[in-house]
């Protein structure tokens, strides 16, 4: 409940500041690698959930 209230108070400038902090921490070259890893992880998760729900595995 408290987390939802915090999100309501974050404005566009706070997102810019958070983005700049991430850019300073990881550097410009590391961010695309992090996003690529995140994307592949999400893809693997979706594929695994599809395999689990497929009718072929229900025996």
Protein backbone atom coordinates (compact mmCIF):
# COMPACT_ATOMS: atom_id res chain seq x y z
CA UNK A 1 0.00 0.00 0.00
CA UNK A 2 2.83 2.41 0.84
CA UNK A 3 4.64 1.49 -2.39
CA UNK A 4 1.63 2.57 -4.49
CA UNK A 5 1.62 5.98 -2.80
CA UNK A 6 5.33 6.46 -3.48
CA UNK A 7 4.83 5.82 -7.21
CA UNK A 8 2.16 8.52 -7.35
CA UNK A 9 4.60 11.13 -6.05
CA UNK A 10 7.34 10.39 -8.59
CA UNK A 11 7.23 12.92 -11.41
CA UNK A 12 9.02 13.14 -14.76
CA UNK A 13 12.03 14.96 -13.31
CA UNK A 14 12.58 12.22 -10.76
CA UNK A 15 12.63 9.65 -13.58
CA UNK A 16 15.25 11.75 -15.39
CA UNK A 17 17.39 11.92 -12.26
CA UNK A 18 17.08 8.15 -11.72
CA UNK A 19 18.01 7.55 -15.36
CA UNK A 20 21.08 9.77 -15.08
CA UNK A 21 22.15 8.01 -11.89
CA UNK A 22 21.89 4.63 -13.64
CA UNK A 23 23.85 5.99 -16.60
CA UNK A 24 26.60 7.22 -14.29
CA UNK A 25 26.73 3.95 -12.34
CA UNK A 26 26.82 1.55 -15.28
CA UNK A 27 28.16 3.68 -18.12
CA UNK A 28 26.83 4.03 -21.64
CA UNK A 29 28.40 0.83 -22.96
CA UNK A 30 27.03 -1.44 -20.24
CA UNK A 31 23.35 -0.44 -20.47
CA UNK A 32 22.64 -2.08 -23.89
CA UNK A 33 24.21 -5.30 -22.60
CA UNK A 34 22.01 -5.18 -19.49
CA UNK A 35 18.87 -4.60 -21.59
CA UNK A 36 19.81 -7.44 -23.94
CA UNK A 37 20.21 -9.78 -20.97
CA UNK A 38 16.90 -8.62 -19.52
CA UNK A 39 15.14 -9.17 -22.85
CA UNK A 40 16.54 -12.67 -23.28
CA UNK A 41 15.55 -13.53 -19.72
CA UNK A 42 11.97 -12.41 -20.34
CA UNK A 43 11.87 -14.38 -23.59
CA UNK A 44 13.08 -17.54 -21.84
CA UNK A 45 10.49 -17.06 -19.10
CA UNK A 46 7.68 -16.71 -21.67
CA UNK A 47 8.89 -19.79 -23.57
CA UNK A 48 9.05 -21.83 -20.37
CA UNK A 49 5.55 -20.77 -19.33
CA UNK A 50 4.20 -21.67 -22.79
CA UNK A 51 5.79 -25.11 -22.58
CA UNK A 52 4.25 -25.68 -19.17
CA UNK A 53 0.75 -24.71 -20.38
CA UNK A 54 0.89 -26.58 -23.68
CA UNK A 55 -1.60 -29.47 -24.05
CA UNK A 56 1.20 -31.85 -25.09
CA UNK A 57 2.66 -31.82 -21.57
CA UNK A 58 -0.68 -32.49 -19.88
CA UNK A 59 -0.83 -36.25 -19.46
